[in-house]
Amino acid sequence: APGKQRELVAAISSGGYINYAGSVKGRFTISRDNAKNTVYLQMNSL
C-alpha cells in the first residue's frame, strides 16, 4: 500500500498448507490449481 512496506497476504505450500495475514483471515481465500498452473486469491468483504 502507499507509504507501507510490502507484506504477506496469504501463502500456500506445494503440499497445500496455508497461512494468512491476521488482517485478512476470514475474508480472503488462497487456492491453487496445479493442472492450470494458476493460483487464486478470493477477496471478500473488502
All heavy atoms as atom14 arrays in JSON, in Angstrom:
{
  "sequence": "APGKQRELVAAISSGGYINYAGSVKGRFTISRDNAKNTVYLQMNSL",
  "atom14_mask": [
    [1, 1, 1, 1, 1, 0, 0, 0, 0, 0, 0, 0, 0, 0],
    [1, 1, 1, 1, 1, 1, 1, 0, 0, 0, 0, 0, 0, 0],
    [1, 1, 1, 1, 0, 0, 0, 0, 0, 0, 0, 0, 0, 0],
    [1, 1, 1, 1, 1, 1, 1, 1, 1, 0, 0, 0, 0, 0],
    [1, 1, 1, 1, 1, 1, 1, 1, 1, 0, 0, 0, 0, 0],
    [1, 1, 1, 1, 1, 1, 1, 1, 1, 1, 1, 0, 0, 0],
    [1, 1, 1, 1, 1, 1, 1, 1, 1, 0, 0, 0, 0, 0],
    [1, 1, 1, 1, 1, 1, 1, 1, 0, 0, 0, 0, 0, 0],
    [1, 1, 1, 1, 1, 1, 1, 0, 0, 0, 0, 0, 0, 0],
    [1, 1, 1, 1, 1, 0, 0, 0, 0, 0, 0, 0, 0, 0],
    [1, 1, 1, 1, 1, 0, 0, 0, 0, 0, 0, 0, 0, 0],
    [1, 1, 1, 1, 1, 1, 1, 1, 0, 0, 0, 0, 0, 0],
    [1, 1, 1, 1, 1, 1, 0, 0, 0, 0, 0, 0, 0, 0],
    [1, 1, 1, 1, 1, 1, 0, 0, 0, 0, 0, 0, 0, 0],
    [1, 1, 1, 1, 0, 0, 0, 0, 0, 0, 0, 0, 0, 0],
    [1, 1, 1, 1, 0, 0, 0, 0, 0, 0, 0, 0, 0, 0],
    [1, 1, 1, 1, 1, 1, 1, 1, 1, 1, 1, 1, 0, 0],
    [1, 1, 1, 1, 1, 1, 1, 1, 0, 0, 0, 0, 0, 0],
    [1, 1, 1, 1, 1, 1, 1, 1, 0, 0, 0, 0, 0, 0],
    [1, 1, 1, 1, 1, 1, 1, 1, 1, 1, 1, 1, 0, 0],
    [1, 1, 1, 1, 1, 0, 0, 0, 0, 0, 0, 0, 0, 0],
    [1, 1, 1, 1, 0, 0, 0, 0, 0, 0, 0, 0, 0, 0],
    [1, 1, 1, 1, 1, 1, 0, 0, 0, 0, 0, 0, 0, 0],
    [1, 1, 1, 1, 1, 1, 1, 0, 0, 0, 0, 0, 0, 0],
    [1, 1, 1, 1, 1, 1, 1, 1, 1, 0, 0, 0, 0, 0],
    [1, 1, 1, 1, 0, 0, 0, 0, 0, 0, 0, 0, 0, 0],
    [1, 1, 1, 1, 1, 1, 1, 1, 1, 1, 1, 0, 0, 0],
    [1, 1, 1, 1, 1, 1, 1, 1, 1, 1, 1, 0, 0, 0],
    [1, 1, 1, 1, 1, 1, 1, 0, 0, 0, 0, 0, 0, 0],
    [1, 1, 1, 1, 1, 1, 1, 1, 0, 0, 0, 0, 0, 0],
    [1, 1, 1, 1, 1, 1, 0, 0, 0, 0, 0, 0, 0, 0],
    [1, 1, 1, 1, 1, 1, 1, 1, 1, 1, 1, 0, 0, 0],
    [1, 1, 1, 1, 1, 1, 1, 1, 0, 0, 0, 0, 0, 0],
    [1, 1, 1, 1, 1, 1, 1, 1, 0, 0, 0, 0, 0, 0],
    [1, 1, 1, 1, 1, 0, 0, 0, 0, 0, 0, 0, 0, 0],
    [1, 1, 1, 1, 1, 1, 1, 1, 1, 0, 0, 0, 0, 0],
    [1, 1, 1, 1, 1, 1, 1, 1, 0, 0, 0, 0, 0, 0],
    [1, 1, 1, 1, 1, 1, 1, 0, 0, 0, 0, 0, 0, 0],
    [1, 1, 1, 1, 1, 1, 1, 0, 0, 0, 0, 0, 0, 0],
    [1, 1, 1, 1, 1, 1, 1, 1, 1, 1, 1, 1, 0, 0],
    [1, 1, 1, 1, 1, 1, 1, 1, 0, 0, 0, 0, 0, 0],
    [1, 1, 1, 1, 1, 1, 1, 1, 1, 0, 0, 0, 0, 0],
    [1, 1, 1, 1, 1, 1, 1, 1, 0, 0, 0, 0, 0, 0],
    [1, 1, 1, 1, 1, 1, 1, 1, 0, 0, 0, 0, 0, 0],
    [1, 1, 1, 1, 1, 1, 0, 0, 0, 0, 0, 0, 0, 0],
    [1, 1, 1, 1, 1, 1, 1, 1, 0, 0, 0, 0, 0, 0]
  ],
  "atom14_positions": [
    [[0.84, -1.18, 0.0], [0.0, 0.0, 0.0], [0.88, 1.24, 0.0], [2.05, 1.19, 0.39], [-0.92, 0.01, 1.22], [0.0, 0.0, 0.0], [0.0, 0.0, 0.0], [0.0, 0.0, 0.0], [0.0, 0.0, 0.0], [0.0, 0.0, 0.0], [0.0, 0.0, 0.0], [0.0, 0.0, 0.0], [0.0, 0.0, 0.0], [0.0, 0.0, 0.0]],
    [[0.34, 2.38, -0.43], [1.13, 3.62, -0.43], [1.69, 3.93, 0.95], [0.97, 3.9, 1.95], [0.11, 4.67, -0.87], [-0.89, 3.91, -1.68], [-1.01, 2.59, -0.99], [0.0, 0.0, 0.0], [0.0, 0.0, 0.0], [0.0, 0.0, 0.0], [0.0, 0.0, 0.0], [0.0, 0.0, 0.0], [0.0, 0.0, 0.0], [0.0, 0.0, 0.0]],
    [[2.98, 4.19, 1.01], [3.62, 4.54, 2.26], [3.92, 3.38, 3.18], [4.37, 3.6, 4.31], [0.0, 0.0, 0.0], [0.0, 0.0, 0.0], [0.0, 0.0, 0.0], [0.0, 0.0, 0.0], [0.0, 0.0, 0.0], [0.0, 0.0, 0.0], [0.0, 0.0, 0.0], [0.0, 0.0, 0.0], [0.0, 0.0, 0.0], [0.0, 0.0, 0.0]],
    [[3.67, 2.16, 2.74], [3.91, 0.99, 3.57], [4.84, 0.0, 2.88], [5.03, 0.04, 1.67], [2.59, 0.29, 3.91], [1.63, 1.11, 4.74], [0.4, 0.3, 5.12], [-0.54, 1.09, 6.01], [-1.74, 0.3, 6.38], [0.0, 0.0, 0.0], [0.0, 0.0, 0.0], [0.0, 0.0, 0.0], [0.0, 0.0, 0.0], [0.0, 0.0, 0.0]],
    [[5.42, -0.9, 3.68], [6.26, -1.95, 3.15], [5.42, -3.08, 2.58], [4.27, -3.27, 2.96], [7.2, -2.49, 4.23], [8.21, -1.49, 4.74], [9.18, -2.09, 5.73], [8.84, -3.02, 6.46], [10.4, -1.58, 5.75], [0.0, 0.0, 0.0], [0.0, 0.0, 0.0], [0.0, 0.0, 0.0], [0.0, 0.0, 0.0], [0.0, 0.0, 0.0]],
    [[6.02, -3.84, 1.66], [5.33, -4.99, 1.12], [5.12, -6.03, 2.21], [6.03, -6.3, 3.01], [6.14, -5.59, -0.03], [5.42, -6.69, -0.79], [6.22, -7.14, -2.01], [6.41, -6.06, -2.96], [6.96, -6.22, -4.17], [7.36, -7.43, -4.56], [7.11, -5.18, -4.97], [0.0, 0.0, 0.0], [0.0, 0.0, 0.0], [0.0, 0.0, 0.0]],
    [[3.92, -6.61, 2.26], [3.59, -7.56, 3.3], [2.94, -8.81, 2.72], [2.28, -8.76, 1.68], [2.65, -6.94, 4.33], [1.29, -6.56, 3.77], [0.33, -6.03, 4.83], [0.63, -6.14, 6.03], [-0.73, -5.49, 4.44], [0.0, 0.0, 0.0], [0.0, 0.0, 0.0], [0.0, 0.0, 0.0], [0.0, 0.0, 0.0], [0.0, 0.0, 0.0]],
    [[3.13, -9.92, 3.42], [2.49, -11.17, 3.03], [1.0, -11.1, 3.31], [0.59, -10.71, 4.4], [3.11, -12.34, 3.79], [2.45, -13.7, 3.58], [2.69, -14.2, 2.16], [2.97, -14.71, 4.6], [0.0, 0.0, 0.0], [0.0, 0.0, 0.0], [0.0, 0.0, 0.0], [0.0, 0.0, 0.0], [0.0, 0.0, 0.0], [0.0, 0.0, 0.0]],
    [[0.2, -11.5, 2.34], [-1.24, -11.59, 2.5], [-1.66, -13.03, 2.76], [-2.39, -13.33, 3.71], [-1.98, -11.05, 1.26], [-3.49, -11.22, 1.4], [-1.62, -9.59, 1.02], [0.0, 0.0, 0.0], [0.0, 0.0, 0.0], [0.0, 0.0, 0.0], [0.0, 0.0, 0.0], [0.0, 0.0, 0.0], [0.0, 0.0, 0.0], [0.0, 0.0, 0.0]],
    [[-1.21, -13.94, 1.91], [-1.54, -15.36, 2.04], [-0.51, -16.17, 1.28], [0.07, -15.71, 0.3], [-2.94, -15.64, 1.49], [0.0, 0.0, 0.0], [0.0, 0.0, 0.0], [0.0, 0.0, 0.0], [0.0, 0.0, 0.0], [0.0, 0.0, 0.0], [0.0, 0.0, 0.0], [0.0, 0.0, 0.0], [0.0, 0.0, 0.0], [0.0, 0.0, 0.0]],
    [[-0.28, -17.4, 1.74], [0.66, -18.29, 1.08], [0.14, -19.71, 1.14], [-0.55, -20.1, 2.09], [2.04, -18.21, 1.73], [0.0, 0.0, 0.0], [0.0, 0.0, 0.0], [0.0, 0.0, 0.0], [0.0, 0.0, 0.0], [0.0, 0.0, 0.0], [0.0, 0.0, 0.0], [0.0, 0.0, 0.0], [0.0, 0.0, 0.0], [0.0, 0.0, 0.0]],
    [[0.48, -20.49, 0.12], [0.1, -21.89, 0.06], [1.3, -22.69, -0.41], [1.92, -22.39, -1.42], [-1.14, -22.09, -0.85], [-1.57, -23.56, -0.86], [-0.88, -21.57, -2.26], [-2.95, -23.77, -1.5], [0.0, 0.0, 0.0], [0.0, 0.0, 0.0], [0.0, 0.0, 0.0], [0.0, 0.0, 0.0], [0.0, 0.0, 0.0], [0.0, 0.0, 0.0]],
    [[1.65, -23.73, 0.34], [2.81, -24.53, 0.02], [2.5, -25.52, -1.09], [1.35, -25.7, -1.5], [3.3, -25.27, 1.26], [2.44, -26.36, 1.56], [0.0, 0.0, 0.0], [0.0, 0.0, 0.0], [0.0, 0.0, 0.0], [0.0, 0.0, 0.0], [0.0, 0.0, 0.0], [0.0, 0.0, 0.0], [0.0, 0.0, 0.0], [0.0, 0.0, 0.0]],
    [[3.54, -26.19, -1.58], [3.35, -27.21, -2.59], [2.47, -28.35, -2.09], [1.81, -29.02, -2.89], [4.7, -27.76, -3.06], [5.41, -28.35, -1.99], [0.0, 0.0, 0.0], [0.0, 0.0, 0.0], [0.0, 0.0, 0.0], [0.0, 0.0, 0.0], [0.0, 0.0, 0.0], [0.0, 0.0, 0.0], [0.0, 0.0, 0.0], [0.0, 0.0, 0.0]],
    [[2.45, -28.55, -0.77], [1.62, -29.58, -0.18], [0.24, -29.11, 0.23], [-0.54, -29.91, 0.78], [0.0, 0.0, 0.0], [0.0, 0.0, 0.0], [0.0, 0.0, 0.0], [0.0, 0.0, 0.0], [0.0, 0.0, 0.0], [0.0, 0.0, 0.0], [0.0, 0.0, 0.0], [0.0, 0.0, 0.0], [0.0, 0.0, 0.0], [0.0, 0.0, 0.0]],
    [[-0.07, -27.83, 0.0], [-1.4, -27.32, 0.29], [-1.57, -26.66, 1.65], [-2.69, -26.3, 2.02], [0.0, 0.0, 0.0], [0.0, 0.0, 0.0], [0.0, 0.0, 0.0], [0.0, 0.0, 0.0], [0.0, 0.0, 0.0], [0.0, 0.0, 0.0], [0.0, 0.0, 0.0], [0.0, 0.0, 0.0], [0.0, 0.0, 0.0], [0.0, 0.0, 0.0]],
    [[-0.49, -26.49, 2.4], [-0.58, -25.81, 3.68], [-0.7, -24.31, 3.47], [0.0, -23.73, 2.65], [0.63, -26.13, 4.55], [0.71, -27.59, 4.92], [1.51, -28.46, 4.19], [-0.03, -28.1, 5.98], [1.57, -29.81, 4.52], [0.02, -29.44, 6.31], [0.83, -30.3, 5.57], [0.88, -31.64, 5.9], [0.0, 0.0, 0.0], [0.0, 0.0, 0.0]],
    [[-1.57, -23.66, 4.23], [-1.94, -22.28, 4.0], [-1.7, -21.41, 5.24], [-1.97, -21.83, 6.37], [-3.43, -22.18, 3.6], [-3.65, -22.88, 2.25], [-3.88, -20.73, 3.53], [-5.1, -23.0, 1.85], [0.0, 0.0, 0.0], [0.0, 0.0, 0.0], [0.0, 0.0, 0.0], [0.0, 0.0, 0.0], [0.0, 0.0, 0.0], [0.0, 0.0, 0.0]],
    [[-1.2, -20.21, 5.0], [-1.07, -19.19, 6.04], [-1.68, -17.89, 5.53], [-1.55, -17.55, 4.36], [0.39, -18.95, 6.41], [0.99, -20.08, 7.21], [0.38, -20.55, 8.17], [2.18, -20.51, 6.84], [0.0, 0.0, 0.0], [0.0, 0.0, 0.0], [0.0, 0.0, 0.0], [0.0, 0.0, 0.0], [0.0, 0.0, 0.0], [0.0, 0.0, 0.0]],
    [[-2.34, -17.16, 6.44], [-2.93, -15.86, 6.12], [-2.42, -14.8, 7.08], [-2.14, -15.08, 8.25], [-4.46, -15.88, 6.24], [-5.17, -16.75, 5.25], [-5.64, -18.0, 5.61], [-5.39, -16.31, 3.95], [-6.31, -18.8, 4.7], [-6.06, -17.1, 3.03], [-6.52, -18.35, 3.41], [-7.19, -19.13, 2.51], [0.0, 0.0, 0.0], [0.0, 0.0, 0.0]],
    [[-2.33, -13.58, 6.58], [-2.12, -12.46, 7.47], [-3.36, -12.3, 8.35], [-4.49, -12.54, 7.92], [-1.88, -11.18, 6.69], [0.0, 0.0, 0.0], [0.0, 0.0, 0.0], [0.0, 0.0, 0.0], [0.0, 0.0, 0.0], [0.0, 0.0, 0.0], [0.0, 0.0, 0.0], [0.0, 0.0, 0.0], [0.0, 0.0, 0.0], [0.0, 0.0, 0.0]],
    [[-3.14, -11.9, 9.6], [-4.26, -11.76, 10.52], [-5.33, -10.8, 10.03], [-6.53, -10.99, 10.3], [0.0, 0.0, 0.0], [0.0, 0.0, 0.0], [0.0, 0.0, 0.0], [0.0, 0.0, 0.0], [0.0, 0.0, 0.0], [0.0, 0.0, 0.0], [0.0, 0.0, 0.0], [0.0, 0.0, 0.0], [0.0, 0.0, 0.0], [0.0, 0.0, 0.0]],
    [[-4.93, -9.79, 9.28], [-5.86, -8.77, 8.82], [-6.83, -9.27, 7.75], [-7.84, -8.61, 7.48], [-5.09, -7.56, 8.28], [-4.25, -7.93, 7.21], [0.0, 0.0, 0.0], [0.0, 0.0, 0.0], [0.0, 0.0, 0.0], [0.0, 0.0, 0.0], [0.0, 0.0, 0.0], [0.0, 0.0, 0.0], [0.0, 0.0, 0.0], [0.0, 0.0, 0.0]],
    [[-6.54, -10.42, 7.14], [-7.4, -10.91, 6.07], [-8.06, -12.25, 6.4], [-8.88, -12.73, 5.61], [-6.63, -11.04, 4.73], [-5.94, -9.74, 4.39], [-5.63, -12.19, 4.78], [0.0, 0.0, 0.0], [0.0, 0.0, 0.0], [0.0, 0.0, 0.0], [0.0, 0.0, 0.0], [0.0, 0.0, 0.0], [0.0, 0.0, 0.0], [0.0, 0.0, 0.0]],
    [[-7.74, -12.83, 7.53], [-8.35, -14.11, 7.91], [-9.86, -13.98, 7.98], [-10.4, -13.03, 8.53], [-7.81, -14.58, 9.26], [-6.39, -15.1, 9.22], [-5.95, -15.6, 10.59], [-4.53, -16.14, 10.56], [-4.08, -16.59, 11.89], [0.0, 0.0, 0.0], [0.0, 0.0, 0.0], [0.0, 0.0, 0.0], [0.0, 0.0, 0.0], [0.0, 0.0, 0.0]],
    [[-10.54, -14.96, 7.39], [-11.99, -14.95, 7.36], [-12.58, -14.19, 6.2], [-13.78, -14.29, 5.94], [0.0, 0.0, 0.0], [0.0, 0.0, 0.0], [0.0, 0.0, 0.0], [0.0, 0.0, 0.0], [0.0, 0.0, 0.0], [0.0, 0.0, 0.0], [0.0, 0.0, 0.0], [0.0, 0.0, 0.0], [0.0, 0.0, 0.0], [0.0, 0.0, 0.0]],
    [[-11.75, -13.42, 5.48], [-12.23, -12.64, 4.34], [-11.62, -13.09, 3.02], [-12.29, -13.07, 1.99], [-11.93, -11.15, 4.54], [-12.6, -10.55, 5.77], [-12.44, -9.04, 5.78], [-11.04, -8.63, 5.87], [-10.43, -7.86, 4.98], [-11.1, -7.4, 3.93], [-9.16, -7.52, 5.15], [0.0, 0.0, 0.0], [0.0, 0.0, 0.0], [0.0, 0.0, 0.0]],
    [[-10.34, -13.47, 3.03], [-9.62, -13.87, 1.82], [-9.39, -15.38, 1.82], [-9.21, -16.0, 2.88], [-8.26, -13.19, 1.74], [-8.3, -11.7, 1.51], [-9.48, -10.98, 1.58], [-7.13, -11.03, 1.22], [-9.51, -9.62, 1.37], [-7.14, -9.66, 1.01], [-8.33, -8.95, 1.08], [0.0, 0.0, 0.0], [0.0, 0.0, 0.0], [0.0, 0.0, 0.0]],
    [[-9.35, -15.96, 0.62], [-9.06, -17.38, 0.46], [-8.06, -17.57, -0.66], [-8.28, -17.11, -1.78], [-10.33, -18.18, 0.14], [-11.31, -17.99, 1.17], [-10.0, -19.67, 0.05], [0.0, 0.0, 0.0], [0.0, 0.0, 0.0], [0.0, 0.0, 0.0], [0.0, 0.0, 0.0], [0.0, 0.0, 0.0], [0.0, 0.0, 0.0], [0.0, 0.0, 0.0]],
    [[-6.96, -18.25, -0.36], [-5.98, -18.58, -1.38], [-6.18, -20.04, -1.81], [-6.5, -20.9, -0.98], [-4.53, -18.36, -0.89], [-3.53, -18.51, -2.03], [-4.19, -19.28, 0.27], [-2.1, -18.1, -1.66], [0.0, 0.0, 0.0], [0.0, 0.0, 0.0], [0.0, 0.0, 0.0], [0.0, 0.0, 0.0], [0.0, 0.0, 0.0], [0.0, 0.0, 0.0]],
    [[-6.02, -20.3, -3.09], [-6.14, -21.66, -3.6], [-5.24, -21.81, -4.82], [-4.79, -20.82, -5.39], [-7.6, -21.98, -3.96], [-8.08, -21.12, -4.98], [0.0, 0.0, 0.0], [0.0, 0.0, 0.0], [0.0, 0.0, 0.0], [0.0, 0.0, 0.0], [0.0, 0.0, 0.0], [0.0, 0.0, 0.0], [0.0, 0.0, 0.0], [0.0, 0.0, 0.0]],
    [[-4.99, -23.05, -5.19], [-4.17, -23.29, -6.37], [-4.74, -24.42, -7.19], [-5.34, -25.35, -6.65], [-2.71, -23.57, -5.99], [-2.49, -24.86, -5.2], [-1.06, -24.93, -4.64], [-0.06, -24.95, -5.7], [1.23, -24.68, -5.51], [1.66, -24.35, -4.3], [2.07, -24.73, -6.53], [0.0, 0.0, 0.0], [0.0, 0.0, 0.0], [0.0, 0.0, 0.0]],
    [[-4.55, -24.33, -8.49], [-4.96, -25.36, -9.42], [-3.72, -25.74, -10.21], [-3.35, -25.06, -11.17], [-6.08, -24.87, -10.34], [-6.64, -25.97, -11.21], [-5.96, -26.98, -11.45], [-7.81, -25.82, -11.67], [0.0, 0.0, 0.0], [0.0, 0.0, 0.0], [0.0, 0.0, 0.0], [0.0, 0.0, 0.0], [0.0, 0.0, 0.0], [0.0, 0.0, 0.0]],
    [[-3.06, -26.8, -9.8], [-1.8, -27.19, -10.43], [-1.98, -27.59, -11.89], [-1.07, -27.39, -12.7], [-1.15, -28.33, -9.65], [-0.62, -27.89, -8.31], [-0.41, -26.7, -8.07], [-0.42, -28.84, -7.41], [0.0, 0.0, 0.0], [0.0, 0.0, 0.0], [0.0, 0.0, 0.0], [0.0, 0.0, 0.0], [0.0, 0.0, 0.0], [0.0, 0.0, 0.0]],
    [[-3.14, -28.14, -12.23], [-3.4, -28.52, -13.62], [-3.44, -27.3, -14.53], [-3.15, -27.4, -15.73], [-4.7, -29.3, -13.72], [0.0, 0.0, 0.0], [0.0, 0.0, 0.0], [0.0, 0.0, 0.0], [0.0, 0.0, 0.0], [0.0, 0.0, 0.0], [0.0, 0.0, 0.0], [0.0, 0.0, 0.0], [0.0, 0.0, 0.0], [0.0, 0.0, 0.0]],
    [[-3.82, -26.15, -13.98], [-3.9, -24.91, -14.75], [-2.72, -23.97, -14.5], [-2.68, -22.87, -15.05], [-5.2, -24.17, -14.44], [-6.45, -24.92, -14.85], [-7.71, -24.11, -14.54], [-8.96, -24.84, -14.98], [-10.19, -24.06, -14.67], [0.0, 0.0, 0.0], [0.0, 0.0, 0.0], [0.0, 0.0, 0.0], [0.0, 0.0, 0.0], [0.0, 0.0, 0.0]],
    [[-1.77, -24.4, -13.67], [-0.62, -23.57, -13.33], [-1.06, -22.19, -12.82], [-0.5, -21.16, -13.21], [0.31, -23.4, -14.53], [1.15, -24.63, -14.82], [2.05, -24.58, -15.65], [0.87, -25.74, -14.17], [0.0, 0.0, 0.0], [0.0, 0.0, 0.0], [0.0, 0.0, 0.0], [0.0, 0.0, 0.0], [0.0, 0.0, 0.0], [0.0, 0.0, 0.0]],
    [[-2.06, -22.18, -11.95], [-2.66, -20.93, -11.53], [-2.92, -20.93, -10.02], [-3.33, -21.94, -9.46], [-3.98, -20.68, -12.28], [-3.73, -20.65, -13.68], [-4.6, -19.35, -11.87], [0.0, 0.0, 0.0], [0.0, 0.0, 0.0], [0.0, 0.0, 0.0], [0.0, 0.0, 0.0], [0.0, 0.0, 0.0], [0.0, 0.0, 0.0], [0.0, 0.0, 0.0]],
    [[-2.68, -19.78, -9.4], [-3.04, -19.57, -8.0], [-4.03, -18.42, -7.94], [-3.95, -17.48, -8.73], [-1.79, -19.29, -7.13], [-1.09, -18.01, -7.56], [-2.16, -19.24, -5.66], [0.0, 0.0, 0.0], [0.0, 0.0, 0.0], [0.0, 0.0, 0.0], [0.0, 0.0, 0.0], [0.0, 0.0, 0.0], [0.0, 0.0, 0.0], [0.0, 0.0, 0.0]],
    [[-4.99, -18.51, -7.01], [-6.06, -17.53, -6.9], [-6.08, -16.9, -5.52], [-5.63, -17.49, -4.54], [-7.42, -18.19, -7.14], [-7.54, -18.94, -8.44], [-7.3, -20.31, -8.5], [-7.88, -18.28, -9.62], [-7.41, -21.0, -9.69], [-7.99, -18.96, -10.81], [-7.76, -20.32, -10.85], [-7.86, -21.01, -12.03], [0.0, 0.0, 0.0], [0.0, 0.0, 0.0]],
    [[-6.63, -15.7, -5.46], [-6.92, -15.06, -4.19], [-8.33, -14.5, -4.27], [-8.57, -13.51, -4.97], [-5.92, -13.94, -3.88], [-6.08, -13.29, -2.51], [-5.73, -14.28, -1.4], [-5.23, -12.03, -2.39], [0.0, 0.0, 0.0], [0.0, 0.0, 0.0], [0.0, 0.0, 0.0], [0.0, 0.0, 0.0], [0.0, 0.0, 0.0], [0.0, 0.0, 0.0]],
    [[-9.26, -15.15, -3.59], [-10.63, -14.66, -3.5], [-10.71, -13.69, -2.34], [-10.41, -14.05, -1.2], [-11.6, -15.82, -3.28], [-13.06, -15.41, -3.14], [-13.63, -14.81, -4.4], [-13.45, -15.36, -5.47], [-14.31, -13.68, -4.27], [0.0, 0.0, 0.0], [0.0, 0.0, 0.0], [0.0, 0.0, 0.0], [0.0, 0.0, 0.0], [0.0, 0.0, 0.0]],
    [[-11.11, -12.46, -2.61], [-11.16, -11.41, -1.61], [-12.61, -10.97, -1.43], [-13.22, -10.44, -2.35], [-10.3, -10.22, -2.02], [-8.85, -10.59, -2.32], [-7.8, -9.15, -2.67], [-8.56, -8.59, -4.19], [0.0, 0.0, 0.0], [0.0, 0.0, 0.0], [0.0, 0.0, 0.0], [0.0, 0.0, 0.0], [0.0, 0.0, 0.0], [0.0, 0.0, 0.0]],
    [[-13.14, -11.18, -0.24], [-14.5, -10.79, 0.1], [-14.48, -9.74, 1.2], [-13.49, -9.56, 1.89], [-15.31, -12.01, 0.57], [-15.44, -13.08, -0.48], [-15.53, -12.79, -1.67], [-15.47, -14.34, -0.04], [0.0, 0.0, 0.0], [0.0, 0.0, 0.0], [0.0, 0.0, 0.0], [0.0, 0.0, 0.0], [0.0, 0.0, 0.0], [0.0, 0.0, 0.0]],
    [[-15.61, -9.06, 1.36], [-15.75, -8.04, 2.4], [-14.59, -7.06, 2.39], [-13.99, -6.75, 3.42], [-15.87, -8.71, 3.78], [-16.98, -9.59, 3.83], [0.0, 0.0, 0.0], [0.0, 0.0, 0.0], [0.0, 0.0, 0.0], [0.0, 0.0, 0.0], [0.0, 0.0, 0.0], [0.0, 0.0, 0.0], [0.0, 0.0, 0.0], [0.0, 0.0, 0.0]],
    [[-14.28, -6.55, 1.22], [-13.13, -5.68, 1.06], [-13.3, -4.38, 1.83], [-14.4, -3.83, 1.93], [-12.88, -5.4, -0.41], [-12.22, -6.56, -1.17], [-12.41, -6.42, -2.66], [-10.73, -6.62, -0.82], [0.0, 0.0, 0.0], [0.0, 0.0, 0.0], [0.0, 0.0, 0.0], [0.0, 0.0, 0.0], [0.0, 0.0, 0.0], [0.0, 0.0, 0.0]]
  ]
}
